Amino acid sequence: MVERLNGRKILLRGNHDFKIGVNTWKEIGFLEVYKKKIILDNLLLTHAPTEEVKENQVNVFGHIHDKPLDRKFDKKNHVCVSCDVVDYTPVSIENIKLLNDN
């Protein structure tokens, strides 16, 4: 199914994604597979929200789904893109940057 989706698929593994190995994920259709985080320009992509966000950086995550963000995290530099929050629709990097600008 993954191979039928448009675009390049990169997996940032979450708490349920370690049951199978990296090679299997790639056979399924993911181009790259990461364990902990991906840094892309000013975006820090993680599975769960993190406090390791540097100044002028935005943490993009999904683990909490539609639950409220814990008070210890600053909403200005944390964006949840869990499938149930974004209506199962892909979110572009450009839109994430726009969300953060508001």
C-alpha atoms as a PDB file:
ATOM      1  CA  MET A   1       0.000   0.000   0.000  1.00  0.00           C
ATOM      2  CA  VAL A   2       2.807   2.456   0.851  1.00  0.00           C
ATOM      3  CA  GLU A   3       4.313   2.133  -2.623  1.00  0.00           C
ATOM      4  CA  ARG A   4       0.982   3.260  -4.132  1.00  0.00           C
ATOM      5  CA  LEU A   5       1.079   6.585  -2.293  1.00  0.00           C
ATOM      6  CA  ASN A   6       2.421   9.622  -4.123  1.00  0.00           C
ATOM      7  CA  GLY A   7       5.733  11.187  -3.164  1.00  0.00           C
ATOM      8  CA  ARG A   8       8.824  10.059  -1.327  1.00  0.00           C
ATOM      9  CA  LYS A   9       7.955   8.253   1.895  1.00  0.00           C
ATOM     10  CA  ILE A  10      10.312   8.676   4.850  1.00  0.00           C
ATOM     11  CA  LEU A  11       9.508   6.937   8.122  1.00  0.00           C
ATOM     12  CA  LEU A  12      10.379   8.373  11.506  1.00  0.00           C
ATOM     13  CA  ARG A  13       9.722   5.347  13.649  1.00  0.00           C
ATOM     14  CA  GLY A  14       7.347   5.620  16.585  1.00  0.00           C
ATOM     15  CA  ASN A  15       6.578   3.444  19.574  1.00  0.00           C
ATOM     16  CA  HIS A  16       4.732   0.834  17.467  1.00  0.00           C
ATOM     17  CA  ASP A  17       7.167   0.796  14.534  1.00  0.00           C
ATOM     18  CA  PHE A  18      10.067  -1.133  16.048  1.00  0.00           C
ATOM     19  CA  LYS A  19       8.450  -4.563  15.728  1.00  0.00           C
ATOM     20  CA  ILE A  20       9.899  -4.913  12.239  1.00  0.00           C
ATOM     21  CA  GLY A  21      13.344  -3.985  10.959  1.00  0.00           C
ATOM     22  CA  VAL A  22      14.557  -1.179   8.730  1.00  0.00           C
ATOM     23  CA  ASN A  23      14.935  -3.427   5.672  1.00  0.00           C
ATOM     24  CA  THR A  24      11.323  -4.557   5.942  1.00  0.00           C
ATOM     25  CA  TRP A  25      10.119  -0.947   6.129  1.00  0.00           C
ATOM     26  CA  LYS A  26      12.130  -0.212   2.995  1.00  0.00           C
ATOM     27  CA  GLU A  27      10.666  -3.266   1.227  1.00  0.00           C
ATOM     28  CA  ILE A  28       7.212  -1.958   2.134  1.00  0.00           C
ATOM     29  CA  GLY A  29       7.998   1.268   0.292  1.00  0.00           C
ATOM     30  CA  PHE A  30       9.790   3.725   2.567  1.00  0.00           C
ATOM     31  CA  LEU A  31      12.825   5.388   1.021  1.00  0.00           C
ATOM     32  CA  GLU A  32      14.483   6.162   4.357  1.00  0.00           C
ATOM     33  CA  VAL A  33      13.860   5.028   7.941  1.00  0.00           C
ATOM     34  CA  TYR A  34      14.953   6.972  11.045  1.00  0.00           C
ATOM     35  CA  LYS A  35      14.888   6.075  14.746  1.00  0.00           C
ATOM     36  CA  LYS A  36      14.834   9.294  16.752  1.00  0.00           C
ATOM     37  CA  LYS A  37      14.699  12.592  14.905  1.00  0.00           C
ATOM     38  CA  ILE A  38      15.171  14.364  11.602  1.00  0.00           C
ATOM     39  CA  ILE A  39      16.423  17.935  11.357  1.00  0.00           C
ATOM     40  CA  LEU A  40      15.232  19.698   8.215  1.00  0.00           C
ATOM     41  CA  ASP A  41      16.056  23.407   8.015  1.00  0.00           C
ATOM     42  CA  ASN A  42      14.419  24.874  11.131  1.00  0.00           C
ATOM     43  CA  LEU A  43      12.166  21.830  11.655  1.00  0.00           C
ATOM     44  CA  LEU A  44      12.886  19.194  14.290  1.00  0.00           C
ATOM     45  CA  LEU A  45      10.834  16.136  13.345  1.00  0.00           C
ATOM     46  CA  THR A  46      10.238  13.710  16.224  1.00  0.00           C
ATOM     47  CA  HIS A  47       7.712  11.041  17.070  1.00  0.00           C
ATOM     48  CA  ALA A  48       6.655  12.658  20.348  1.00  0.00           C
ATOM     49  CA  PRO A  49       6.914  16.304  21.401  1.00  0.00           C
ATOM     50  CA  THR A  50      10.316  17.184  22.806  1.00  0.00           C
ATOM     51  CA  GLU A  51      11.817  19.906  24.964  1.00  0.00           C
ATOM     52  CA  GLU A  52      15.029  19.782  22.901  1.00  0.00           C
ATOM     53  CA  VAL A  53      13.777  22.515  20.563  1.00  0.00           C
ATOM     54  CA  LYS A  54      16.369  25.185  19.870  1.00  0.00           C
ATOM     55  CA  GLU A  55      15.644  28.862  19.322  1.00  0.00           C
ATOM     56  CA  ASN A  56      14.017  29.489  15.905  1.00  0.00           C
ATOM     57  CA  GLN A  57      13.243  25.773  15.570  1.00  0.00           C
ATOM     58  CA  VAL A  58       9.832  24.096  15.311  1.00  0.00           C
ATOM     59  CA  ASN A  59       9.149  20.613  16.679  1.00  0.00           C
ATOM     60  CA  VAL A  60       6.849  18.636  14.380  1.00  0.00           C
ATOM     61  CA  PHE A  61       5.439  15.472  15.979  1.00  0.00           C
ATOM     62  CA  GLY A  62       2.397  13.201  16.078  1.00  0.00           C
ATOM     63  CA  HIS A  63       2.528  10.840  19.063  1.00  0.00           C
ATOM     64  CA  ILE A  64      -0.091  12.552  21.225  1.00  0.00           C
ATOM     65  CA  HIS A  65      -2.726  12.350  18.466  1.00  0.00           C
ATOM     66  CA  ASP A  66      -5.609  14.694  19.315  1.00  0.00           C
ATOM     67  CA  LYS A  67      -4.745  15.061  23.011  1.00  0.00           C
ATOM     68  CA  PRO A  68      -3.815  18.545  24.235  1.00  0.00           C
ATOM     69  CA  LEU A  69      -0.146  19.468  24.282  1.00  0.00           C
ATOM     70  CA  ASP A  70       1.346  19.292  27.781  1.00  0.00           C
ATOM     71  CA  ARG A  71       1.842  22.716  29.374  1.00  0.00           C
ATOM     72  CA  LYS A  72       5.610  22.213  29.552  1.00  0.00           C
ATOM     73  CA  PHE A  73       5.758  22.625  25.750  1.00  0.00           C
ATOM     74  CA  ASP A  74       5.456  26.002  24.048  1.00  0.00           C
ATOM     75  CA  LYS A  75       2.647  25.879  21.464  1.00  0.00           C
ATOM     76  CA  LYS A  76       4.459  28.478  19.360  1.00  0.00           C
ATOM     77  CA  ASN A  77       7.218  26.044  18.423  1.00  0.00           C
ATOM     78  CA  HIS A  78       5.391  22.685  18.517  1.00  0.00           C
ATOM     79  CA  VAL A  79       3.105  21.446  15.720  1.00  0.00           C
ATOM     80  CA  CYS A  80       1.165  18.181  15.912  1.00  0.00           C
ATOM     81  CA  VAL A  81       0.650  16.481  12.544  1.00  0.00           C
ATOM     82  CA  SER A  82      -0.884  13.253  13.798  1.00  0.00           C
ATOM     83  CA  CYS A  83      -3.205  11.750  11.194  1.00  0.00           C
ATOM     84  CA  ASP A  84      -6.291  12.285  13.350  1.00  0.00           C
ATOM     85  CA  VAL A  85      -5.389  15.972  13.822  1.00  0.00           C
ATOM     86  CA  VAL A  86      -4.795  16.675  10.114  1.00  0.00           C
ATOM     87  CA  ASP A  87      -7.790  14.627   8.927  1.00  0.00           C
ATOM     88  CA  TYR A  88      -5.569  11.881   7.452  1.00  0.00           C
ATOM     89  CA  THR A  89      -4.273  14.371   4.887  1.00  0.00           C
ATOM     90  CA  PRO A  90      -0.571  14.912   4.183  1.00  0.00           C
ATOM     91  CA  VAL A  91       0.796  18.221   5.427  1.00  0.00           C
ATOM     92  CA  SER A  92       3.478  19.922   3.367  1.00  0.00           C
ATOM     93  CA  ILE A  93       6.591  21.420   4.914  1.00  0.00           C
ATOM     94  CA  GLU A  94       5.486  24.773   3.529  1.00  0.00           C
ATOM     95  CA  ASN A  95       2.163  24.532   5.415  1.00  0.00           C
ATOM     96  CA  ILE A  96       3.932  23.594   8.633  1.00  0.00           C
ATOM     97  CA  LYS A  97       6.104  26.681   8.301  1.00  0.00           C
ATOM     98  CA  LEU A  98       2.974  28.784   7.677  1.00  0.00           C
ATOM     99  CA  LEU A  99       1.270  27.313  10.760  1.00  0.00           C
ATOM    100  CA  ASN A 100       4.261  28.304  12.821  1.00  0.00           C
ATOM    101  CA  ASP A 101       4.317  31.852  11.433  1.00  0.00           C
ATOM    102  CA  ASN A 102       0.804  32.472  12.813  1.00  0.00           C
END
